[in-house]
Amino acid sequence: MAWMLLIIAGLTEIIWAIGLKEAHGFTELIPSIVTIIFLIVSFFLFAKAMKTIPIGTAYAIFTGIGAAGTAIVGIIWFQEEISTGKLFFLFVLLFGIIGLKLVDDEEEAA
């Protein structure tokens, strides 16, 4: 259950990060409200997940999902530049997130 909360927390981080851009410095009401709501939800779920997941692993996965997801949304939604280097390092980041999860699972099984 904690892992599901952590994944959802990371996904909601993507939403509030996009909301920050759309809120234009909190000058747009609806995007500002959405951003604040998802920020609260994201950190609430993150805190719940950290009850059982080690802080280093949880934080790396939380921010990794948010960073990778936000970069991907930026490329798709905001037509941000895409390059071989950017794609390579997004894959490295995603493999790192998966690796942390797998290592944590091995430690729990031991």
PDB file of N, CA and C in Angstrom:
ATOM      1  N   MET A   1       0.810  -1.197   0.000  1.00  0.00           N
ATOM      2  CA  MET A   1       0.000   0.000   0.000  1.00  0.00           C
ATOM      3  C   MET A   1       0.857   1.266   0.000  1.00  0.00           C
ATOM      4  N   ALA A   2       1.961   1.256   0.759  1.00  0.00           N
ATOM      5  CA  ALA A   2       2.826   2.432   0.833  1.00  0.00           C
ATOM      6  C   ALA A   2       3.418   2.767  -0.534  1.00  0.00           C
ATOM      7  N   TRP A   3       3.754   1.718  -1.300  1.00  0.00           N
ATOM      8  CA  TRP A   3       4.321   1.966  -2.628  1.00  0.00           C
ATOM      9  C   TRP A   3       3.297   2.602  -3.558  1.00  0.00           C
ATOM     10  N   MET A   4       2.054   2.187  -3.449  1.00  0.00           N
ATOM     11  CA  MET A   4       0.999   2.783  -4.264  1.00  0.00           C
ATOM     12  C   MET A   4       0.818   4.256  -3.889  1.00  0.00           C
ATOM     13  N   LEU A   5       0.838   4.535  -2.591  1.00  0.00           N
ATOM     14  CA  LEU A   5       0.728   5.930  -2.137  1.00  0.00           C
ATOM     15  C   LEU A   5       1.885   6.769  -2.677  1.00  0.00           C
ATOM     16  N   LEU A   6       3.085   6.192  -2.665  1.00  0.00           N
ATOM     17  CA  LEU A   6       4.256   6.914  -3.141  1.00  0.00           C
ATOM     18  C   LEU A   6       4.160   7.191  -4.643  1.00  0.00           C
ATOM     19  N   ILE A   7       3.705   6.228  -5.397  1.00  0.00           N
ATOM     20  CA  ILE A   7       3.554   6.428  -6.840  1.00  0.00           C
ATOM     21  C   ILE A   7       2.503   7.498  -7.126  1.00  0.00           C
ATOM     22  N   ILE A   8       1.386   7.436  -6.425  1.00  0.00           N
ATOM     23  CA  ILE A   8       0.345   8.456  -6.613  1.00  0.00           C
ATOM     24  C   ILE A   8       0.862   9.828  -6.191  1.00  0.00           C
ATOM     25  N   ALA A   9       1.636   9.875  -5.111  1.00  0.00           N
ATOM     26  CA  ALA A   9       2.235  11.141  -4.668  1.00  0.00           C
ATOM     27  C   ALA A   9       3.132  11.710  -5.760  1.00  0.00           C
ATOM     28  N   GLY A  10       3.935  10.860  -6.388  1.00  0.00           N
ATOM     29  CA  GLY A  10       4.796  11.314  -7.479  1.00  0.00           C
ATOM     30  C   GLY A  10       4.001  11.813  -8.669  1.00  0.00           C
ATOM     31  N   LEU A  11       2.918  11.119  -8.995  1.00  0.00           N
ATOM     32  CA  LEU A  11       2.071  11.547 -10.108  1.00  0.00           C
ATOM     33  C   LEU A  11       1.375  12.868  -9.808  1.00  0.00           C
ATOM     34  N   THR A  12       0.942  13.052  -8.562  1.00  0.00           N
ATOM     35  CA  THR A  12       0.312  14.327  -8.211  1.00  0.00           C
ATOM     36  C   THR A  12       1.348  15.456  -8.185  1.00  0.00           C
ATOM     37  N   GLU A  13       2.612  15.105  -7.961  1.00  0.00           N
ATOM     38  CA  GLU A  13       3.666  16.121  -8.051  1.00  0.00           C
ATOM     39  C   GLU A  13       3.750  16.671  -9.475  1.00  0.00           C
ATOM     40  N   ILE A  14       3.566  15.821 -10.455  1.00  0.00           N
ATOM     41  CA  ILE A  14       3.574  16.257 -11.852  1.00  0.00           C
ATOM     42  C   ILE A  14       2.459  17.278 -12.072  1.00  0.00           C
ATOM     43  N   ILE A  15       1.291  16.992 -11.518  1.00  0.00           N
ATOM     44  CA  ILE A  15       0.141  17.882 -11.701  1.00  0.00           C
ATOM     45  C   ILE A  15       0.406  19.249 -11.085  1.00  0.00           C
ATOM     46  N   TRP A  16       0.938  19.272  -9.835  1.00  0.00           N
ATOM     47  CA  TRP A  16       1.148  20.590  -9.240  1.00  0.00           C
ATOM     48  C   TRP A  16       2.311  21.324  -9.887  1.00  0.00           C
ATOM     49  N   ALA A  17       3.288  20.604 -10.424  1.00  0.00           N
ATOM     50  CA  ALA A  17       4.389  21.275 -11.123  1.00  0.00           C
ATOM     51  C   ALA A  17       3.875  21.952 -12.402  1.00  0.00           C
ATOM     52  N   ILE A  18       3.017  21.257 -13.125  1.00  0.00           N
ATOM     53  CA  ILE A  18       2.403  21.848 -14.316  1.00  0.00           C
ATOM     54  C   ILE A  18       1.506  23.013 -13.903  1.00  0.00           C
ATOM     55  N   GLY A  19       0.795  22.827 -12.797  1.00  0.00           N
ATOM     56  CA  GLY A  19      -0.063  23.893 -12.289  1.00  0.00           C
ATOM     57  C   GLY A  19       0.715  25.164 -11.973  1.00  0.00           C
ATOM     58  N   LEU A  20       1.926  25.004 -11.466  1.00  0.00           N
ATOM     59  CA  LEU A  20       2.749  26.190 -11.191  1.00  0.00           C
ATOM     60  C   LEU A  20       2.997  26.993 -12.461  1.00  0.00           C
ATOM     61  N   LYS A  21       3.262  26.286 -13.548  1.00  0.00           N
ATOM     62  CA  LYS A  21       3.480  26.973 -14.829  1.00  0.00           C
ATOM     63  C   LYS A  21       2.196  27.642 -15.310  1.00  0.00           C
ATOM     64  N   GLU A  22       1.100  26.904 -15.217  1.00  0.00           N
ATOM     65  CA  GLU A  22      -0.186  27.422 -15.696  1.00  0.00           C
ATOM     66  C   GLU A  22      -0.745  28.544 -14.812  1.00  0.00           C
ATOM     67  N   ALA A  23      -0.341  28.592 -13.558  1.00  0.00           N
ATOM     68  CA  ALA A  23      -0.830  29.625 -12.640  1.00  0.00           C
ATOM     69  C   ALA A  23      -0.157  30.976 -12.883  1.00  0.00           C
ATOM     70  N   HIS A  24       0.912  30.974 -13.658  1.00  0.00           N
ATOM     71  CA  HIS A  24       1.619  32.218 -14.006  1.00  0.00           C
ATOM     72  C   HIS A  24       1.904  33.075 -12.765  1.00  0.00           C
ATOM     73  N   GLY A  25       2.656  32.469 -11.846  1.00  0.00           N
ATOM     74  CA  GLY A  25       3.016  33.205 -10.630  1.00  0.00           C
ATOM     75  C   GLY A  25       1.823  33.424  -9.708  1.00  0.00           C
ATOM     76  N   PHE A  26       0.901  32.482  -9.707  1.00  0.00           N
ATOM     77  CA  PHE A  26      -0.320  32.536  -8.903  1.00  0.00           C
ATOM     78  C   PHE A  26      -1.185  33.751  -9.243  1.00  0.00           C
ATOM     79  N   THR A  27      -1.185  34.131 -10.524  1.00  0.00           N
ATOM     80  CA  THR A  27      -2.052  35.223 -10.967  1.00  0.00           C
ATOM     81  C   THR A  27      -3.326  34.703 -11.634  1.00  0.00           C
ATOM     82  N   GLU A  28      -3.359  33.404 -11.927  1.00  0.00           N
ATOM     83  CA  GLU A  28      -4.545  32.767 -12.511  1.00  0.00           C
ATOM     84  C   GLU A  28      -5.227  31.950 -11.422  1.00  0.00           C
ATOM     85  N   LEU A  29      -6.484  32.257 -11.111  1.00  0.00           N
ATOM     86  CA  LEU A  29      -7.165  31.686  -9.955  1.00  0.00           C
ATOM     87  C   LEU A  29      -7.311  30.167 -10.013  1.00  0.00           C
ATOM     88  N   ILE A  30      -7.934  29.638 -11.044  1.00  0.00           N
ATOM     89  CA  ILE A  30      -8.215  28.201 -11.098  1.00  0.00           C
ATOM     90  C   ILE A  30      -6.925  27.379 -11.107  1.00  0.00           C
ATOM     91  N   PRO A  31      -5.960  27.678 -11.976  1.00  0.00           N
ATOM     92  CA  PRO A  31      -4.714  26.904 -11.909  1.00  0.00           C
ATOM     93  C   PRO A  31      -4.004  27.034 -10.548  1.00  0.00           C
ATOM     94  N   SER A  32      -4.118  28.168  -9.907  1.00  0.00           N
ATOM     95  CA  SER A  32      -3.507  28.353  -8.586  1.00  0.00           C
ATOM     96  C   SER A  32      -4.165  27.460  -7.550  1.00  0.00           C
ATOM     97  N   ILE A  33      -5.477  27.382  -7.578  1.00  0.00           N
ATOM     98  CA  ILE A  33      -6.210  26.531  -6.636  1.00  0.00           C
ATOM     99  C   ILE A  33      -5.879  25.061  -6.880  1.00  0.00           C
ATOM    100  N   VAL A  34      -5.884  24.655  -8.142  1.00  0.00           N
ATOM    101  CA  VAL A  34      -5.546  23.267  -8.489  1.00  0.00           C
ATOM    102  C   VAL A  34      -4.135  22.939  -8.019  1.00  0.00           C
ATOM    103  N   THR A  35      -3.205  23.845  -8.232  1.00  0.00           N
ATOM    104  CA  THR A  35      -1.816  23.641  -7.812  1.00  0.00           C
ATOM    105  C   THR A  35      -1.724  23.430  -6.306  1.00  0.00           C
ATOM    106  N   ILE A  36      -2.357  24.280  -5.547  1.00  0.00           N
ATOM    107  CA  ILE A  36      -2.304  24.188  -4.082  1.00  0.00           C
ATOM    108  C   ILE A  36      -2.943  22.893  -3.591  1.00  0.00           C
ATOM    109  N   ILE A  37      -4.072  22.524  -4.169  1.00  0.00           N
ATOM    110  CA  ILE A  37      -4.747  21.281  -3.766  1.00  0.00           C
ATOM    111  C   ILE A  37      -3.838  20.078  -4.031  1.00  0.00           C
ATOM    112  N   PHE A  38      -3.282  20.009  -5.233  1.00  0.00           N
ATOM    113  CA  PHE A  38      -2.443  18.854  -5.565  1.00  0.00           C
ATOM    114  C   PHE A  38      -1.120  18.866  -4.808  1.00  0.00           C
ATOM    115  N   LEU A  39      -0.625  20.040  -4.460  1.00  0.00           N
ATOM    116  CA  LEU A  39       0.577  20.122  -3.640  1.00  0.00           C
ATOM    117  C   LEU A  39       0.318  19.504  -2.268  1.00  0.00           C
ATOM    118  N   ILE A  40      -0.810  19.850  -1.686  1.00  0.00           N
ATOM    119  CA  ILE A  40      -1.175  19.307  -0.372  1.00  0.00           C
ATOM    120  C   ILE A  40      -1.385  17.791  -0.454  1.00  0.00           C
ATOM    121  N   VAL A  41      -2.131  17.347  -1.457  1.00  0.00           N
ATOM    122  CA  VAL A  41      -2.380  15.908  -1.633  1.00  0.00           C
ATOM    123  C   VAL A  41      -1.065  15.163  -1.836  1.00  0.00           C
ATOM    124  N   SER A  42      -0.204  15.716  -2.667  1.00  0.00           N
ATOM    125  CA  SER A  42       1.073  15.079  -2.972  1.00  0.00           C
ATOM    126  C   SER A  42       1.907  14.879  -1.712  1.00  0.00           C
ATOM    127  N   PHE A  43       2.070  15.929  -0.919  1.00  0.00           N
ATOM    128  CA  PHE A  43       2.892  15.810   0.282  1.00  0.00           C
ATOM    129  C   PHE A  43       2.225  14.969   1.363  1.00  0.00           C
ATOM    130  N   PHE A  44       0.915  14.981   1.424  1.00  0.00           N
ATOM    131  CA  PHE A  44       0.201  14.126   2.372  1.00  0.00           C
ATOM    132  C   PHE A  44       0.459  12.650   2.046  1.00  0.00           C
ATOM    133  N   LEU A  45       0.309  12.280   0.774  1.00  0.00           N
ATOM    134  CA  LEU A  45       0.543  10.893   0.365  1.00  0.00           C
ATOM    135  C   LEU A  45       2.005  10.504   0.541  1.00  0.00           C
ATOM    136  N   PHE A  46       2.906  11.429   0.233  1.00  0.00           N
ATOM    137  CA  PHE A  46       4.336  11.194   0.406  1.00  0.00           C
ATOM    138  C   PHE A  46       4.654  10.922   1.874  1.00  0.00           C
ATOM    139  N   ALA A  47       4.092  11.716   2.762  1.00  0.00           N
ATOM    140  CA  ALA A  47       4.317  11.524   4.197  1.00  0.00           C
ATOM    141  C   ALA A  47       3.774  10.182   4.670  1.00  0.00           C
ATOM    142  N   LYS A  48       2.604   9.795   4.185  1.00  0.00           N
ATOM    143  CA  LYS A  48       2.021   8.500   4.551  1.00  0.00           C
ATOM    144  C   LYS A  48       2.922   7.353   4.076  1.00  0.00           C
ATOM    145  N   ALA A  49       3.440   7.463   2.860  1.00  0.00           N
ATOM    146  CA  ALA A  49       4.298   6.411   2.305  1.00  0.00           C
ATOM    147  C   ALA A  49       5.579   6.270   3.114  1.00  0.00           C
ATOM    148  N   MET A  50       6.094   7.382   3.630  1.00  0.00           N
ATOM    149  CA  MET A  50       7.353   7.331   4.374  1.00  0.00           C
ATOM    150  C   MET A  50       7.223   6.682   5.745  1.00  0.00           C
ATOM    151  N   LYS A  51       6.021   6.330   6.140  1.00  0.00           N
ATOM    152  CA  LYS A  51       5.865   5.596   7.396  1.00  0.00           C
ATOM    153  C   LYS A  51       6.533   4.224   7.312  1.00  0.00           C
ATOM    154  N   THR A  52       6.561   3.641   6.096  1.00  0.00           N
ATOM    155  CA  THR A  52       7.140   2.307   5.957  1.00  0.00           C
ATOM    156  C   THR A  52       8.287   2.231   4.949  1.00  0.00           C
ATOM    157  N   ILE A  53       8.393   3.208   4.051  1.00  0.00           N
ATOM    158  CA  ILE A  53       9.466   3.203   3.055  1.00  0.00           C
ATOM    159  C   ILE A  53      10.595   4.093   3.574  1.00  0.00           C
ATOM    160  N   PRO A  54      11.844   3.629   3.499  1.00  0.00           N
ATOM    161  CA  PRO A  54      12.963   4.445   3.964  1.00  0.00           C
ATOM    162  C   PRO A  54      12.978   5.817   3.275  1.00  0.00           C
ATOM    163  N   ILE A  55      13.323   6.853   4.034  1.00  0.00           N
ATOM    164  CA  ILE A  55      13.236   8.225   3.542  1.00  0.00           C
ATOM    165  C   ILE A  55      14.053   8.456   2.273  1.00  0.00           C
ATOM    166  N   GLY A  56      15.275   7.929   2.205  1.00  0.00           N
ATOM    167  CA  GLY A  56      16.105   8.137   1.023  1.00  0.00           C
ATOM    168  C   GLY A  56      15.492   7.542  -0.217  1.00  0.00           C
ATOM    169  N   THR A  57      15.004   6.332  -0.101  1.00  0.00           N
ATOM    170  CA  THR A  57      14.342   5.664  -1.223  1.00  0.00           C
ATOM    171  C   THR A  57      13.064   6.395  -1.596  1.00  0.00           C
ATOM    172  N   ALA A  58      12.249   6.721  -0.595  1.00  0.00           N
ATOM    173  CA  ALA A  58      10.970   7.386  -0.849  1.00  0.00           C
ATOM    174  C   ALA A  58      11.182   8.731  -1.536  1.00  0.00           C
ATOM    175  N   TYR A  59      12.119   9.515  -1.026  1.00  0.00           N
ATOM    176  CA  TYR A  59      12.336  10.852  -1.597  1.00  0.00           C
ATOM    177  C   TYR A  59      12.873  10.762  -3.020  1.00  0.00           C
ATOM    178  N   ALA A  60      13.809   9.858  -3.255  1.00  0.00           N
ATOM    179  CA  ALA A  60      14.364   9.705  -4.596  1.00  0.00           C
ATOM    180  C   ALA A  60      13.286   9.288  -5.595  1.00  0.00           C
ATOM    181  N   ILE A  61      12.441   8.370  -5.192  1.00  0.00           N
ATOM    182  CA  ILE A  61      11.376   7.908  -6.089  1.00  0.00           C
ATOM    183  C   ILE A  61      10.329   8.995  -6.295  1.00  0.00           C
ATOM    184  N   PHE A  62       9.931   9.655  -5.225  1.00  0.00           N
ATOM    185  CA  PHE A  62       8.948  10.742  -5.295  1.00  0.00           C
ATOM    186  C   PHE A  62       9.417  11.835  -6.252  1.00  0.00           C
ATOM    187  N   THR A  63      10.627  12.334  -6.044  1.00  0.00           N
ATOM    188  CA  THR A  63      11.133  13.409  -6.901  1.00  0.00           C
ATOM    189  C   THR A  63      11.462  12.905  -8.304  1.00  0.00           C
ATOM    190  N   GLY A  64      11.892  11.646  -8.405  1.00  0.00           N
ATOM    191  CA  GLY A  64      12.186  11.087  -9.722  1.00  0.00           C
ATOM    192  C   GLY A  64      10.955  10.982 -10.594  1.00  0.00           C
ATOM    193  N   ILE A  65       9.876  10.482 -10.008  1.00  0.00           N
ATOM    194  CA  ILE A  65       8.613  10.401 -10.762  1.00  0.00           C
ATOM    195  C   ILE A  65       8.176  11.802 -11.175  1.00  0.00           C
ATOM    196  N   GLY A  66       8.251  12.728 -10.243  1.00  0.00           N
ATOM    197  CA  GLY A  66       7.852  14.104 -10.537  1.00  0.00           C
ATOM    198  C   GLY A  66       8.718  14.742 -11.606  1.00  0.00           C
ATOM    199  N   ALA A  67      10.032  14.572 -11.492  1.00  0.00           N
ATOM    200  CA  ALA A  67      10.951  15.190 -12.458  1.00  0.00           C
ATOM    201  C   ALA A  67      10.800  14.579 -13.842  1.00  0.00           C
ATOM    202  N   ALA A  68      10.809  13.253 -13.908  1.00  0.00           N
ATOM    203  CA  ALA A  68      10.690  12.585 -15.203  1.00  0.00           C
ATOM    204  C   ALA A  68       9.327  12.863 -15.828  1.00  0.00           C
ATOM    205  N   GLY A  69       8.285  12.745 -15.024  1.00  0.00           N
ATOM    206  CA  GLY A  69       6.936  12.976 -15.539  1.00  0.00           C
ATOM    207  C   GLY A  69       6.737  14.397 -16.021  1.00  0.00           C
ATOM    208  N   THR A  70       7.257  15.352 -15.261  1.00  0.00           N
ATOM    209  CA  THR A  70       7.121  16.756 -15.650  1.00  0.00           C
ATOM    210  C   THR A  70       7.909  17.037 -16.928  1.00  0.00           C
ATOM    211  N   ALA A  71       9.085  16.450 -17.052  1.00  0.00           N
ATOM    212  CA  ALA A  71       9.874  16.627 -18.280  1.00  0.00           C
ATOM    213  C   ALA A  71       9.139  16.031 -19.486  1.00  0.00           C
ATOM    214  N   ILE A  72       8.546  14.872 -19.309  1.00  0.00           N
ATOM    215  CA  ILE A  72       7.807  14.226 -20.406  1.00  0.00           C
ATOM    216  C   ILE A  72       6.583  15.054 -20.787  1.00  0.00           C
ATOM    217  N   VAL A  73       5.851  15.533 -19.793  1.00  0.00           N
ATOM    218  CA  VAL A  73       4.684  16.383 -20.077  1.00  0.00           C
ATOM    219  C   VAL A  73       5.132  17.672 -20.762  1.00  0.00           C
ATOM    220  N   GLY A  74       6.254  18.229 -20.331  1.00  0.00           N
ATOM    221  CA  GLY A  74       6.774  19.441 -20.966  1.00  0.00           C
ATOM    222  C   GLY A  74       7.068  19.218 -22.442  1.00  0.00           C
ATOM    223  N   ILE A  75       7.622  18.071 -22.761  1.00  0.00           N
ATOM    224  CA  ILE A  75       7.932  17.746 -24.158  1.00  0.00           C
ATOM    225  C   ILE A  75       6.644  17.582 -24.959  1.00  0.00           C
ATOM    226  N   ILE A  76       5.682  16.854 -24.393  1.00  0.00           N
ATOM    227  CA  ILE A  76       4.446  16.547 -25.119  1.00  0.00           C
ATOM    228  C   ILE A  76       3.485  17.744 -25.156  1.00  0.00           C
ATOM    229  N   TRP A  77       3.221  18.331 -23.978  1.00  0.00           N
ATOM    230  CA  TRP A  77       2.181  19.349 -23.858  1.00  0.00           C
ATOM    231  C   TRP A  77       2.686  20.749 -24.222  1.00  0.00           C
ATOM    232  N   PHE A  78       3.890  21.086 -23.786  1.00  0.00           N
ATOM    233  CA  PHE A  78       4.407  22.437 -23.984  1.00  0.00           C
ATOM    234  C   PHE A  78       5.411  22.522 -25.140  1.00  0.00           C
ATOM    235  N   GLN A  79       5.547  21.430 -25.896  1.00  0.00           N
ATOM    236  CA  GLN A  79       6.447  21.364 -27.039  1.00  0.00           C
ATOM    237  C   GLN A  79       7.868  21.822 -26.684  1.00  0.00           C
ATOM    238  N   GLU A  80       8.330  21.426 -25.494  1.00  0.00           N
ATOM    239  CA  GLU A  80       9.692  21.739 -25.101  1.00  0.00           C
ATOM    240  C   GLU A  80      10.652  20.909 -25.943  1.00  0.00           C
ATOM    241  N   GLU A  81      11.865  21.414 -26.071  1.00  0.00           N
ATOM    242  CA  GLU A  81      12.869  20.754 -26.904  1.00  0.00           C
ATOM    243  C   GLU A  81      13.125  19.319 -26.445  1.00  0.00           C
ATOM    244  N   ILE A  82      13.246  18.443 -27.413  1.00  0.00           N
ATOM    245  CA  ILE A  82      13.589  17.052 -27.138  1.00  0.00           C
ATOM    246  C   ILE A  82      14.918  16.758 -27.836  1.00  0.00           C
ATOM    247  N   SER A  83      15.775  16.065 -27.136  1.00  0.00           N
ATOM    248  CA  SER A  83      17.078  15.734 -27.712  1.00  0.00           C
ATOM    249  C   SER A  83      17.447  14.319 -27.288  1.00  0.00           C
ATOM    250  N   THR A  84      18.439  13.790 -27.953  1.00  0.00           N
ATOM    251  CA  THR A  84      18.923  12.459 -27.606  1.00  0.00           C
ATOM    252  C   THR A  84      19.430  12.446 -26.174  1.00  0.00           C
ATOM    253  N   GLY A  85      20.156  13.482 -25.795  1.00  0.00           N
ATOM    254  CA  GLY A  85      20.679  13.571 -24.423  1.00  0.00           C
ATOM    255  C   GLY A  85      19.575  13.613 -23.387  1.00  0.00           C
ATOM    256  N   LYS A  86      18.544  14.408 -23.652  1.00  0.00           N
ATOM    257  CA  LYS A  86      17.423  14.503 -22.712  1.00  0.00           C
ATOM    258  C   LYS A  86      16.727  13.155 -22.568  1.00  0.00           C
ATOM    259  N   LEU A  87      16.486  12.483 -23.679  1.00  0.00           N
ATOM    260  CA  LEU A  87      15.846  11.168 -23.630  1.00  0.00           C
ATOM    261  C   LEU A  87      16.718  10.153 -22.892  1.00  0.00           C
ATOM    262  N   PHE A  88      18.014  10.184 -23.167  1.00  0.00           N
ATOM    263  CA  PHE A  88      18.928   9.266 -22.500  1.00  0.00           C
ATOM    264  C   PHE A  88      18.862   9.437 -20.987  1.00  0.00           C
ATOM    265  N   PHE A  89      18.957  10.673 -20.530  1.00  0.00           N
ATOM    266  CA  PHE A  89      18.976  10.896 -19.087  1.00  0.00           C
ATOM    267  C   PHE A  89      17.607  10.687 -18.437  1.00  0.00           C
ATOM    268  N   LEU A  90      16.530  10.861 -19.177  1.00  0.00           N
ATOM    269  CA  LEU A  90      15.215  10.489 -18.648  1.00  0.00           C
ATOM    270  C   LEU A  90      15.145   8.983 -18.427  1.00  0.00           C
ATOM    271  N   PHE A  91      15.686   8.214 -19.368  1.00  0.00           N
ATOM    272  CA  PHE A  91      15.725   6.757 -19.196  1.00  0.00           C
ATOM    273  C   PHE A  91      16.620   6.361 -18.022  1.00  0.00           C
ATOM    274  N   VAL A  92      17.756   7.023 -17.875  1.00  0.00           N
ATOM    275  CA  VAL A  92      18.636   6.758 -16.734  1.00  0.00           C
ATOM    276  C   VAL A  92      17.886   7.035 -15.430  1.00  0.00           C
ATOM    277  N   LEU A  93      17.170   8.149 -15.388  1.00  0.00           N
ATOM    278  CA  LEU A  93      16.390   8.500 -14.194  1.00  0.00           C
ATOM    279  C   LEU A  93      15.323   7.441 -13.909  1.00  0.00           C
ATOM    280  N   LEU A  94      14.590   7.047 -14.934  1.00  0.00           N
ATOM    281  CA  LEU A  94      13.541   6.043 -14.743  1.00  0.00           C
ATOM    282  C   LEU A  94      14.116   4.696 -14.308  1.00  0.00           C
ATOM    283  N   PHE A  95      15.238   4.287 -14.906  1.00  0.00           N
ATOM    284  CA  PHE A  95      15.877   3.032 -14.489  1.00  0.00           C
ATOM    285  C   PHE A  95      16.380   3.132 -13.053  1.00  0.00           C
ATOM    286  N   GLY A  96      16.842   4.317 -12.653  1.00  0.00           N
ATOM    287  CA  GLY A  96      17.266   4.525 -11.273  1.00  0.00           C
ATOM    288  C   GLY A  96      16.110   4.383 -10.302  1.00  0.00           C
ATOM    289  N   ILE A  97      14.954   4.919 -10.665  1.00  0.00           N
ATOM    290  CA  ILE A  97      13.757   4.797  -9.825  1.00  0.00           C
ATOM    291  C   ILE A  97      13.370   3.327  -9.681  1.00  0.00           C
ATOM    292  N   ILE A  98      13.340   2.621 -10.798  1.00  0.00           N
ATOM    293  CA  ILE A  98      13.002   1.196 -10.772  1.00  0.00           C
ATOM    294  C   ILE A  98      14.029   0.424  -9.945  1.00  0.00           C
ATOM    295  N   GLY A  99      15.303   0.760 -10.123  1.00  0.00           N
ATOM    296  CA  GLY A  99      16.363   0.100  -9.367  1.00  0.00           C
ATOM    297  C   GLY A  99      16.219   0.296  -7.871  1.00  0.00           C
ATOM    298  N   LEU A 100      15.899   1.502  -7.447  1.00  0.00           N
ATOM    299  CA  LEU A 100      15.699   1.758  -6.015  1.00  0.00           C
ATOM    300  C   LEU A 100      14.555   0.912  -5.462  1.00  0.00           C
ATOM    301  N   LYS A 101      13.491   0.797  -6.223  1.00  0.00           N
ATOM    302  CA  LYS A 101      12.351  -0.017  -5.789  1.00  0.00           C
ATOM    303  C   LYS A 101      12.767  -1.480  -5.667  1.00  0.00           C
ATOM    304  N   LEU A 102      13.505  -1.981  -6.659  1.00  0.00           N
ATOM    305  CA  LEU A 102      13.924  -3.381  -6.630  1.00  0.00           C
ATOM    306  C   LEU A 102      14.874  -3.660  -5.476  1.00  0.00           C
ATOM    307  N   VAL A 103      15.807  -2.764  -5.227  1.00  0.00           N
ATOM    308  CA  VAL A 103      16.746  -2.936  -4.113  1.00  0.00           C
ATOM    309  C   VAL A 103      16.019  -2.923  -2.786  1.00  0.00           C
ATOM    310  N   ASP A 104      15.041  -2.017  -2.656  1.00  0.00           N
ATOM    311  CA  ASP A 104      14.266  -1.954  -1.418  1.00  0.00           C
ATOM    312  C   ASP A 104      13.476  -3.236  -1.214  1.00  0.00           C
ATOM    313  N   ASP A 105      12.930  -3.791  -2.303  1.00  0.00           N
ATOM    314  CA  ASP A 105      12.184  -5.065  -2.206  1.00  0.00           C
ATOM    315  C   ASP A 105      13.095  -6.197  -1.764  1.00  0.00           C
ATOM    316  N   GLU A 106      14.338  -6.224  -2.280  1.00  0.00           N
ATOM    317  CA  GLU A 106      15.301  -7.260  -1.882  1.00  0.00           C
ATOM    318  C   GLU A 106      15.661  -7.153  -0.398  1.00  0.00           C
ATOM    319  N   GLU A 107      15.829  -5.918   0.080  1.00  0.00           N
ATOM    320  CA  GLU A 107      16.180  -5.710   1.482  1.00  0.00           C
ATOM    321  C   GLU A 107      15.049  -6.135   2.402  1.00  0.00           C
ATOM    322  N   GLU A 108      13.804  -5.895   1.964  1.00  0.00           N
ATOM    323  CA  GLU A 108      12.652  -6.317   2.763  1.00  0.00           C
ATOM    324  C   GLU A 108      12.553  -7.837   2.826  1.00  0.00           C
ATOM    325  N   ALA A 109      12.900  -8.513   1.729  1.00  0.00           N
ATOM    326  CA  ALA A 109      12.797  -9.973   1.660  1.00  0.00           C
ATOM    327  C   ALA A 109      13.888 -10.648   2.497  1.00  0.00           C
ATOM    328  N   ALA A 110      15.002  -9.952   2.685  1.00  0.00           N
ATOM    329  CA  ALA A 110      16.127 -10.563   3.425  1.00  0.00           C
ATOM    330  C   ALA A 110      15.892 -10.619   4.912  1.00  0.00           C
TER     331      ALA A 110
END
